[in-house]
């Protein structure tokens, strides 16, 4: 699922990988139908990540969750994964 997340969320150029490692469009559509994206989907995903890590900021070193803390806590500085989410092709 992480590979698929990177493909969907970040638009990583993963076309060099074999097609069988990805979900096909039918599978993606089924997932979105089962778990519909809310009107504020991008902000909802950022908030959900934040709620899960805000109490343990030291565990974010070297990973994208640090970006969620930076978005929610004024004094936390780091590159911005949230900008990648907001800039994605996802609706919402």
PDB file of N, CA and C in Angstrom:
ATOM      1  N   UNK A   1       0.813  -1.182   0.000  1.00  0.00           N
ATOM      2  CA  UNK A   1       0.000   0.000   0.000  1.00  0.00           C
ATOM      3  C   UNK A   1       0.864   1.257   0.000  1.00  0.00           C
ATOM      4  N   UNK A   2       2.017   1.236   0.630  1.00  0.00           N
ATOM      5  CA  UNK A   2       2.864   2.427   0.647  1.00  0.00           C
ATOM      6  C   UNK A   2       3.268   2.836  -0.762  1.00  0.00           C
ATOM      7  N   UNK A   3       3.599   1.881  -1.596  1.00  0.00           N
ATOM      8  CA  UNK A   3       3.957   2.180  -2.979  1.00  0.00           C
ATOM      9  C   UNK A   3       2.795   2.885  -3.673  1.00  0.00           C
ATOM     10  N   UNK A   4       1.588   2.369  -3.466  1.00  0.00           N
ATOM     11  CA  UNK A   4       0.402   2.956  -4.074  1.00  0.00           C
ATOM     12  C   UNK A   4       0.156   4.364  -3.524  1.00  0.00           C
ATOM     13  N   UNK A   5       0.386   4.551  -2.230  1.00  0.00           N
ATOM     14  CA  UNK A   5       0.259   5.886  -1.626  1.00  0.00           C
ATOM     15  C   UNK A   5       1.174   6.879  -2.325  1.00  0.00           C
ATOM     16  N   UNK A   6       2.418   6.505  -2.502  1.00  0.00           N
ATOM     17  CA  UNK A   6       3.372   7.407  -3.150  1.00  0.00           C
ATOM     18  C   UNK A   6       2.936   7.734  -4.573  1.00  0.00           C
ATOM     19  N   UNK A   7       2.424   6.720  -5.264  1.00  0.00           N
ATOM     20  CA  UNK A   7       1.971   6.933  -6.635  1.00  0.00           C
ATOM     21  C   UNK A   7       0.786   7.900  -6.661  1.00  0.00           C
ATOM     22  N   UNK A   8      -0.219   7.643  -5.809  1.00  0.00           N
ATOM     23  CA  UNK A   8      -1.429   8.463  -5.782  1.00  0.00           C
ATOM     24  C   UNK A   8      -1.183   9.829  -5.160  1.00  0.00           C
ATOM     25  N   UNK A   9      -0.571   9.828  -4.006  1.00  0.00           N
ATOM     26  CA  UNK A   9      -0.439  11.044  -3.210  1.00  0.00           C
ATOM     27  C   UNK A   9       0.581  12.006  -3.782  1.00  0.00           C
ATOM     28  N   UNK A  10       1.724  11.492  -4.102  1.00  0.00           N
ATOM     29  CA  UNK A  10       2.822  12.364  -4.516  1.00  0.00           C
ATOM     30  C   UNK A  10       3.004  12.421  -6.019  1.00  0.00           C
ATOM     31  N   UNK A  11       2.372  11.515  -6.739  1.00  0.00           N
ATOM     32  CA  UNK A  11       2.551  11.501  -8.180  1.00  0.00           C
ATOM     33  C   UNK A  11       3.957  11.092  -8.584  1.00  0.00           C
ATOM     34  N   UNK A  12       4.582  10.257  -7.739  1.00  0.00           N
ATOM     35  CA  UNK A  12       5.943   9.797  -8.044  1.00  0.00           C
ATOM     36  C   UNK A  12       5.999   9.138  -9.414  1.00  0.00           C
ATOM     37  N   UNK A  13       7.036   9.407 -10.157  1.00  0.00           N
ATOM     38  CA  UNK A  13       7.181   8.781 -11.466  1.00  0.00           C
ATOM     39  C   UNK A  13       7.660   7.336 -11.318  1.00  0.00           C
ATOM     40  N   UNK A  14       6.726   6.437 -11.096  1.00  0.00           N
ATOM     41  CA  UNK A  14       7.068   5.038 -10.851  1.00  0.00           C
ATOM     42  C   UNK A  14       6.754   4.153 -12.042  1.00  0.00           C
ATOM     43  N   UNK A  15       6.631   4.736 -13.199  1.00  0.00           N
ATOM     44  CA  UNK A  15       6.246   3.988 -14.381  1.00  0.00           C
ATOM     45  C   UNK A  15       7.279   2.919 -14.772  1.00  0.00           C
ATOM     46  N   UNK A  16       8.494   3.034 -14.271  1.00  0.00           N
ATOM     47  CA  UNK A  16       9.517   2.036 -14.592  1.00  0.00           C
ATOM     48  C   UNK A  16       9.278   0.713 -13.868  1.00  0.00           C
ATOM     49  N   UNK A  17       8.369   0.696 -12.898  1.00  0.00           N
ATOM     50  CA  UNK A  17       8.064  -0.536 -12.177  1.00  0.00           C
ATOM     51  C   UNK A  17       7.016  -1.340 -12.953  1.00  0.00           C
ATOM     52  N   UNK A  18       7.006  -2.653 -12.774  1.00  0.00           N
ATOM     53  CA  UNK A  18       6.035  -3.478 -13.488  1.00  0.00           C
ATOM     54  C   UNK A  18       4.601  -3.146 -13.066  1.00  0.00           C
ATOM     55  N   UNK A  19       3.670  -3.198 -13.995  1.00  0.00           N
ATOM     56  CA  UNK A  19       2.277  -2.822 -13.758  1.00  0.00           C
ATOM     57  C   UNK A  19       1.640  -3.625 -12.630  1.00  0.00           C
ATOM     58  N   UNK A  20       2.061  -4.877 -12.446  1.00  0.00           N
ATOM     59  CA  UNK A  20       1.416  -5.720 -11.429  1.00  0.00           C
ATOM     60  C   UNK A  20       1.666  -5.251  -9.989  1.00  0.00           C
ATOM     61  N   UNK A  21       2.595  -4.332  -9.772  1.00  0.00           N
ATOM     62  CA  UNK A  21       2.819  -3.837  -8.415  1.00  0.00           C
ATOM     63  C   UNK A  21       1.823  -2.746  -8.023  1.00  0.00           C
ATOM     64  N   UNK A  22       1.044  -2.274  -8.985  1.00  0.00           N
ATOM     65  CA  UNK A  22       0.068  -1.211  -8.732  1.00  0.00           C
ATOM     66  C   UNK A  22      -1.351  -1.756  -8.757  1.00  0.00           C
ATOM     67  N   UNK A  23      -2.241  -1.046  -8.083  1.00  0.00           N
ATOM     68  CA  UNK A  23      -3.664  -1.325  -8.229  1.00  0.00           C
ATOM     69  C   UNK A  23      -4.099  -0.857  -9.608  1.00  0.00           C
ATOM     70  N   UNK A  24      -5.057  -1.547 -10.200  1.00  0.00           N
ATOM     71  CA  UNK A  24      -5.585  -1.034 -11.463  1.00  0.00           C
ATOM     72  C   UNK A  24      -6.701  -0.028 -11.150  1.00  0.00           C
ATOM     73  N   UNK A  25      -7.186   0.665 -12.157  1.00  0.00           N
ATOM     74  CA  UNK A  25      -8.172   1.722 -11.937  1.00  0.00           C
ATOM     75  C   UNK A  25      -9.450   1.173 -11.300  1.00  0.00           C
ATOM     76  N   UNK A  26      -9.855  -0.031 -11.681  1.00  0.00           N
ATOM     77  CA  UNK A  26     -11.045  -0.656 -11.099  1.00  0.00           C
ATOM     78  C   UNK A  26     -10.858  -0.849  -9.588  1.00  0.00           C
ATOM     79  N   UNK A  27      -9.669  -1.308  -9.196  1.00  0.00           N
ATOM     80  CA  UNK A  27      -9.387  -1.506  -7.766  1.00  0.00           C
ATOM     81  C   UNK A  27      -9.361  -0.174  -7.026  1.00  0.00           C
ATOM     82  N   UNK A  28      -8.747   0.838  -7.623  1.00  0.00           N
ATOM     83  CA  UNK A  28      -8.728   2.171  -6.999  1.00  0.00           C
ATOM     84  C   UNK A  28     -10.141   2.709  -6.820  1.00  0.00           C
ATOM     85  N   UNK A  29     -10.965   2.563  -7.875  1.00  0.00           N
ATOM     86  CA  UNK A  29     -12.349   3.043  -7.809  1.00  0.00           C
ATOM     87  C   UNK A  29     -13.137   2.334  -6.709  1.00  0.00           C
ATOM     88  N   UNK A  30     -12.910   1.030  -6.545  1.00  0.00           N
ATOM     89  CA  UNK A  30     -13.601   0.265  -5.499  1.00  0.00           C
ATOM     90  C   UNK A  30     -13.214   0.759  -4.112  1.00  0.00           C
ATOM     91  N   UNK A  31     -11.945   1.073  -3.918  1.00  0.00           N
ATOM     92  CA  UNK A  31     -11.490   1.583  -2.621  1.00  0.00           C
ATOM     93  C   UNK A  31     -12.119   2.938  -2.330  1.00  0.00           C
ATOM     94  N   UNK A  32     -12.132   3.822  -3.331  1.00  0.00           N
ATOM     95  CA  UNK A  32     -12.718   5.155  -3.136  1.00  0.00           C
ATOM     96  C   UNK A  32     -14.229   5.045  -2.901  1.00  0.00           C
ATOM     97  N   UNK A  33     -14.871   4.091  -3.543  1.00  0.00           N
ATOM     98  CA  UNK A  33     -16.302   3.884  -3.310  1.00  0.00           C
ATOM     99  C   UNK A  33     -16.545   3.382  -1.886  1.00  0.00           C
ATOM    100  N   UNK A  34     -15.719   2.461  -1.411  1.00  0.00           N
ATOM    101  CA  UNK A  34     -15.859   1.922  -0.053  1.00  0.00           C
ATOM    102  C   UNK A  34     -15.489   2.956   1.006  1.00  0.00           C
ATOM    103  N   UNK A  35     -14.546   3.815   0.701  1.00  0.00           N
ATOM    104  CA  UNK A  35     -14.064   4.845   1.618  1.00  0.00           C
ATOM    105  C   UNK A  35     -14.079   6.186   0.890  1.00  0.00           C
ATOM    106  N   UNK A  36     -15.269   6.769   0.724  1.00  0.00           N
ATOM    107  CA  UNK A  36     -15.373   8.000  -0.079  1.00  0.00           C
ATOM    108  C   UNK A  36     -14.526   9.138   0.476  1.00  0.00           C
ATOM    109  N   UNK A  37     -14.011   9.932  -0.430  1.00  0.00           N
ATOM    110  CA  UNK A  37     -13.232  11.106  -0.047  1.00  0.00           C
ATOM    111  C   UNK A  37     -14.196  12.228   0.336  1.00  0.00           C
ATOM    112  N   UNK A  38     -13.951  12.812   1.483  1.00  0.00           N
ATOM    113  CA  UNK A  38     -14.795  13.904   1.961  1.00  0.00           C
ATOM    114  C   UNK A  38     -14.502  15.171   1.168  1.00  0.00           C
ATOM    115  N   UNK A  39     -15.354  16.179   1.271  1.00  0.00           N
ATOM    116  CA  UNK A  39     -15.082  17.442   0.581  1.00  0.00           C
ATOM    117  C   UNK A  39     -13.766  18.092   1.016  1.00  0.00           C
ATOM    118  N   UNK A  40     -13.331  17.776   2.229  1.00  0.00           N
ATOM    119  CA  UNK A  40     -12.084  18.340   2.769  1.00  0.00           C
ATOM    120  C   UNK A  40     -11.040  17.235   2.946  1.00  0.00           C
ATOM    121  N   UNK A  41     -10.997  16.321   2.007  1.00  0.00           N
ATOM    122  CA  UNK A  41     -10.167  15.122   2.109  1.00  0.00           C
ATOM    123  C   UNK A  41      -8.704  15.423   2.408  1.00  0.00           C
ATOM    124  N   UNK A  42      -8.128  16.386   1.709  1.00  0.00           N
ATOM    125  CA  UNK A  42      -6.707  16.687   1.904  1.00  0.00           C
ATOM    126  C   UNK A  42      -6.428  17.160   3.320  1.00  0.00           C
ATOM    127  N   UNK A  43      -7.269  18.063   3.821  1.00  0.00           N
ATOM    128  CA  UNK A  43      -7.087  18.541   5.192  1.00  0.00           C
ATOM    129  C   UNK A  43      -7.407  17.440   6.200  1.00  0.00           C
ATOM    130  N   UNK A  44      -8.406  16.606   5.894  1.00  0.00           N
ATOM    131  CA  UNK A  44      -8.758  15.502   6.797  1.00  0.00           C
ATOM    132  C   UNK A  44      -7.601  14.527   6.965  1.00  0.00           C
ATOM    133  N   UNK A  45      -6.899  14.216   5.879  1.00  0.00           N
ATOM    134  CA  UNK A  45      -5.784  13.270   5.975  1.00  0.00           C
ATOM    135  C   UNK A  45      -4.634  13.873   6.794  1.00  0.00           C
ATOM    136  N   UNK A  46      -4.390  15.162   6.610  1.00  0.00           N
ATOM    137  CA  UNK A  46      -3.339  15.837   7.391  1.00  0.00           C
ATOM    138  C   UNK A  46      -3.720  15.854   8.866  1.00  0.00           C
ATOM    139  N   UNK A  47      -4.981  16.172   9.183  1.00  0.00           N
ATOM    140  CA  UNK A  47      -5.422  16.209  10.578  1.00  0.00           C
ATOM    141  C   UNK A  47      -5.328  14.834  11.226  1.00  0.00           C
ATOM    142  N   UNK A  48      -5.719  13.792  10.490  1.00  0.00           N
ATOM    143  CA  UNK A  48      -5.653  12.432  11.022  1.00  0.00           C
ATOM    144  C   UNK A  48      -4.212  12.036  11.332  1.00  0.00           C
ATOM    145  N   UNK A  49      -3.293  12.359  10.430  1.00  0.00           N
ATOM    146  CA  UNK A  49      -1.875  12.084  10.691  1.00  0.00           C
ATOM    147  C   UNK A  49      -1.403  12.840  11.933  1.00  0.00           C
ATOM    148  N   UNK A  50      -1.783  14.099  12.040  1.00  0.00           N
ATOM    149  CA  UNK A  50      -1.378  14.919  13.186  1.00  0.00           C
ATOM    150  C   UNK A  50      -1.907  14.345  14.500  1.00  0.00           C
ATOM    151  N   UNK A  51      -3.173  13.975  14.516  1.00  0.00           N
ATOM    152  CA  UNK A  51      -3.767  13.426  15.734  1.00  0.00           C
ATOM    153  C   UNK A  51      -3.029  12.184  16.216  1.00  0.00           C
ATOM    154  N   UNK A  52      -2.487  11.418  15.279  1.00  0.00           N
ATOM    155  CA  UNK A  52      -1.777  10.195  15.640  1.00  0.00           C
ATOM    156  C   UNK A  52      -0.347  10.388  16.103  1.00  0.00           C
ATOM    157  N   UNK A  53       0.242  11.561  15.837  1.00  0.00           N
ATOM    158  CA  UNK A  53       1.667  11.735  16.170  1.00  0.00           C
ATOM    159  C   UNK A  53       1.972  12.924  17.070  1.00  0.00           C
ATOM    160  N   UNK A  54       0.997  13.777  17.312  1.00  0.00           N
ATOM    161  CA  UNK A  54       1.309  15.010  18.048  1.00  0.00           C
ATOM    162  C   UNK A  54       1.868  14.748  19.443  1.00  0.00           C
ATOM    163  N   UNK A  55       1.521  13.641  20.039  1.00  0.00           N
ATOM    164  CA  UNK A  55       1.994  13.320  21.384  1.00  0.00           C
ATOM    165  C   UNK A  55       3.378  12.644  21.383  1.00  0.00           C
ATOM    166  N   UNK A  56       3.951  12.395  20.203  1.00  0.00           N
ATOM    167  CA  UNK A  56       5.266  11.738  20.136  1.00  0.00           C
ATOM    168  C   UNK A  56       6.127  12.337  19.017  1.00  0.00           C
ATOM    169  N   UNK A  57       6.453  13.616  19.123  1.00  0.00           N
ATOM    170  CA  UNK A  57       7.190  14.293  18.051  1.00  0.00           C
ATOM    171  C   UNK A  57       8.573  13.717  17.767  1.00  0.00           C
ATOM    172  N   UNK A  58       9.208  13.131  18.741  1.00  0.00           N
ATOM    173  CA  UNK A  58      10.549  12.586  18.507  1.00  0.00           C
ATOM    174  C   UNK A  58      10.539  11.409  17.537  1.00  0.00           C
ATOM    175  N   UNK A  59       9.401  10.757  17.369  1.00  0.00           N
ATOM    176  CA  UNK A  59       9.331   9.614  16.458  1.00  0.00           C
ATOM    177  C   UNK A  59       9.245  10.046  15.001  1.00  0.00           C
ATOM    178  N   UNK A  60       9.122  11.326  14.755  1.00  0.00           N
ATOM    179  CA  UNK A  60       8.974  11.804  13.377  1.00  0.00           C
ATOM    180  C   UNK A  60      10.302  12.098  12.699  1.00  0.00           C
ATOM    181  N   UNK A  61      11.401  11.983  13.412  1.00  0.00           N
ATOM    182  CA  UNK A  61      12.699  12.297  12.827  1.00  0.00           C
ATOM    183  C   UNK A  61      12.945  11.451  11.581  1.00  0.00           C
ATOM    184  N   UNK A  62      13.233  12.120  10.480  1.00  0.00           N
ATOM    185  CA  UNK A  62      13.588  11.426   9.254  1.00  0.00           C
ATOM    186  C   UNK A  62      12.424  10.855   8.464  1.00  0.00           C
ATOM    187  N   UNK A  63      11.198  11.257   8.793  1.00  0.00           N
ATOM    188  CA  UNK A  63      10.075  10.771   7.990  1.00  0.00           C
ATOM    189  C   UNK A  63       9.059  11.882   7.743  1.00  0.00           C
ATOM    190  N   UNK A  64       8.096  11.612   6.890  1.00  0.00           N
ATOM    191  CA  UNK A  64       7.146  12.644   6.464  1.00  0.00           C
ATOM    192  C   UNK A  64       6.208  13.105   7.570  1.00  0.00           C
ATOM    193  N   UNK A  65       6.083  12.359   8.639  1.00  0.00           N
ATOM    194  CA  UNK A  65       5.193  12.775   9.723  1.00  0.00           C
ATOM    195  C   UNK A  65       5.678  14.048  10.391  1.00  0.00           C
ATOM    196  N   UNK A  66       6.962  14.314  10.292  1.00  0.00           N
ATOM    197  CA  UNK A  66       7.482  15.575  10.818  1.00  0.00           C
ATOM    198  C   UNK A  66       6.834  16.757  10.115  1.00  0.00           C
ATOM    199  N   UNK A  67       6.498  16.571   8.853  1.00  0.00           N
ATOM    200  CA  UNK A  67       5.835  17.638   8.102  1.00  0.00           C
ATOM    201  C   UNK A  67       4.454  17.935   8.663  1.00  0.00           C
ATOM    202  N   UNK A  68       3.755  16.906   9.140  1.00  0.00           N
ATOM    203  CA  UNK A  68       2.437  17.119   9.741  1.00  0.00           C
ATOM    204  C   UNK A  68       2.587  17.960  11.005  1.00  0.00           C
ATOM    205  N   UNK A  69       3.581  17.648  11.817  1.00  0.00           N
ATOM    206  CA  UNK A  69       3.819  18.457  13.020  1.00  0.00           C
ATOM    207  C   UNK A  69       4.167  19.891  12.659  1.00  0.00           C
ATOM    208  N   UNK A  70       4.970  20.075  11.647  1.00  0.00           N
ATOM    209  CA  UNK A  70       5.331  21.426  11.224  1.00  0.00           C
ATOM    210  C   UNK A  70       4.102  22.209  10.782  1.00  0.00           C
ATOM    211  N   UNK A  71       3.147  21.517  10.184  1.00  0.00           N
ATOM    212  CA  UNK A  71       1.919  22.173   9.751  1.00  0.00           C
ATOM    213  C   UNK A  71       1.036  22.567  10.927  1.00  0.00           C
ATOM    214  N   UNK A  72       1.060  21.790  12.001  1.00  0.00           N
ATOM    215  CA  UNK A  72       0.169  22.002  13.133  1.00  0.00           C
ATOM    216  C   UNK A  72       0.801  22.757  14.294  1.00  0.00           C
ATOM    217  N   UNK A  73       2.115  22.723  14.408  1.00  0.00           N
ATOM    218  CA  UNK A  73       2.799  23.359  15.538  1.00  0.00           C
ATOM    219  C   UNK A  73       3.770  24.414  15.021  1.00  0.00           C
ATOM    220  N   UNK A  74       3.503  25.623  15.390  1.00  0.00           N
ATOM    221  CA  UNK A  74       4.234  26.786  14.881  1.00  0.00           C
ATOM    222  C   UNK A  74       5.749  26.680  15.016  1.00  0.00           C
ATOM    223  N   UNK A  75       6.256  26.095  16.073  1.00  0.00           N
ATOM    224  CA  UNK A  75       7.697  26.073  16.330  1.00  0.00           C
ATOM    225  C   UNK A  75       8.438  24.885  15.705  1.00  0.00           C
ATOM    226  N   UNK A  76       7.729  23.958  15.136  1.00  0.00           N
ATOM    227  CA  UNK A  76       8.354  22.776  14.541  1.00  0.00           C
ATOM    228  C   UNK A  76       8.708  23.086  13.090  1.00  0.00           C
ATOM    229  N   UNK A  77       9.969  22.954  12.722  1.00  0.00           N
ATOM    230  CA  UNK A  77      10.420  23.309  11.366  1.00  0.00           C
ATOM    231  C   UNK A  77      10.892  22.075  10.600  1.00  0.00           C
ATOM    232  N   UNK A  78      10.523  22.026   9.336  1.00  0.00           N
ATOM    233  CA  UNK A  78      10.956  20.938   8.472  1.00  0.00           C
ATOM    234  C   UNK A  78      10.429  21.150   7.063  1.00  0.00           C
ATOM    235  N   UNK A  79      10.864  20.339   6.110  1.00  0.00           N
ATOM    236  CA  UNK A  79      10.296  20.387   4.769  1.00  0.00           C
ATOM    237  C   UNK A  79       8.802  20.102   4.845  1.00  0.00           C
ATOM    238  N   UNK A  80       8.042  20.245   3.756  1.00  0.00           N
ATOM    239  CA  UNK A  80       6.602  20.181   3.895  1.00  0.00           C
ATOM    240  C   UNK A  80       5.918  19.130   3.023  1.00  0.00           C
ATOM    241  N   UNK A  81       5.629  17.995   3.612  1.00  0.00           N
ATOM    242  CA  UNK A  81       4.877  16.919   2.986  1.00  0.00           C
ATOM    243  C   UNK A  81       3.433  17.344   2.730  1.00  0.00           C
ATOM    244  N   UNK A  82       2.908  18.213   3.586  1.00  0.00           N
ATOM    245  CA  UNK A  82       1.524  18.696   3.434  1.00  0.00           C
ATOM    246  C   UNK A  82       1.354  19.456   2.121  1.00  0.00           C
ATOM    247  N   UNK A  83       2.356  20.184   1.716  1.00  0.00           N
ATOM    248  CA  UNK A  83       2.292  20.888   0.433  1.00  0.00           C
ATOM    249  C   UNK A  83       2.169  19.883  -0.716  1.00  0.00           C
ATOM    250  N   UNK A  84       2.791  18.729  -0.565  1.00  0.00           N
ATOM    251  CA  UNK A  84       2.683  17.683  -1.581  1.00  0.00           C
ATOM    252  C   UNK A  84       1.246  17.158  -1.633  1.00  0.00           C
ATOM    253  N   UNK A  85       0.627  16.924  -0.462  1.00  0.00           N
ATOM    254  CA  UNK A  85      -0.760  16.471  -0.416  1.00  0.00           C
ATOM    255  C   UNK A  85      -1.668  17.507  -1.069  1.00  0.00           C
ATOM    256  N   UNK A  86      -1.518  18.757  -0.660  1.00  0.00           N
ATOM    257  CA  UNK A  86      -2.394  19.815  -1.175  1.00  0.00           C
ATOM    258  C   UNK A  86      -2.206  20.028  -2.665  1.00  0.00           C
ATOM    259  N   UNK A  87      -1.025  19.766  -3.169  1.00  0.00           N
ATOM    260  CA  UNK A  87      -0.741  19.951  -4.581  1.00  0.00           C
ATOM    261  C   UNK A  87      -1.059  18.721  -5.428  1.00  0.00           C
ATOM    262  N   UNK A  88      -1.533  17.661  -4.784  1.00  0.00           N
ATOM    263  CA  UNK A  88      -1.811  16.410  -5.523  1.00  0.00           C
ATOM    264  C   UNK A  88      -3.026  16.585  -6.429  1.00  0.00           C
ATOM    265  N   UNK A  89      -3.201  15.623  -7.308  1.00  0.00           N
ATOM    266  CA  UNK A  89      -4.323  15.647  -8.248  1.00  0.00           C
ATOM    267  C   UNK A  89      -5.643  15.177  -7.615  1.00  0.00           C
ATOM    268  N   UNK A  90      -5.599  14.755  -6.341  1.00  0.00           N
ATOM    269  CA  UNK A  90      -6.814  14.309  -5.675  1.00  0.00           C
ATOM    270  C   UNK A  90      -7.862  15.402  -5.630  1.00  0.00           C
ATOM    271  N   UNK A  91      -9.111  15.026  -5.749  1.00  0.00           N
ATOM    272  CA  UNK A  91     -10.192  15.976  -5.502  1.00  0.00           C
ATOM    273  C   UNK A  91     -10.359  16.125  -4.000  1.00  0.00           C
ATOM    274  N   UNK A  92     -10.831  17.288  -3.567  1.00  0.00           N
ATOM    275  CA  UNK A  92     -11.158  17.437  -2.145  1.00  0.00           C
ATOM    276  C   UNK A  92     -10.319  18.403  -1.411  1.00  0.00           C
TER     277      UNK A  92
END
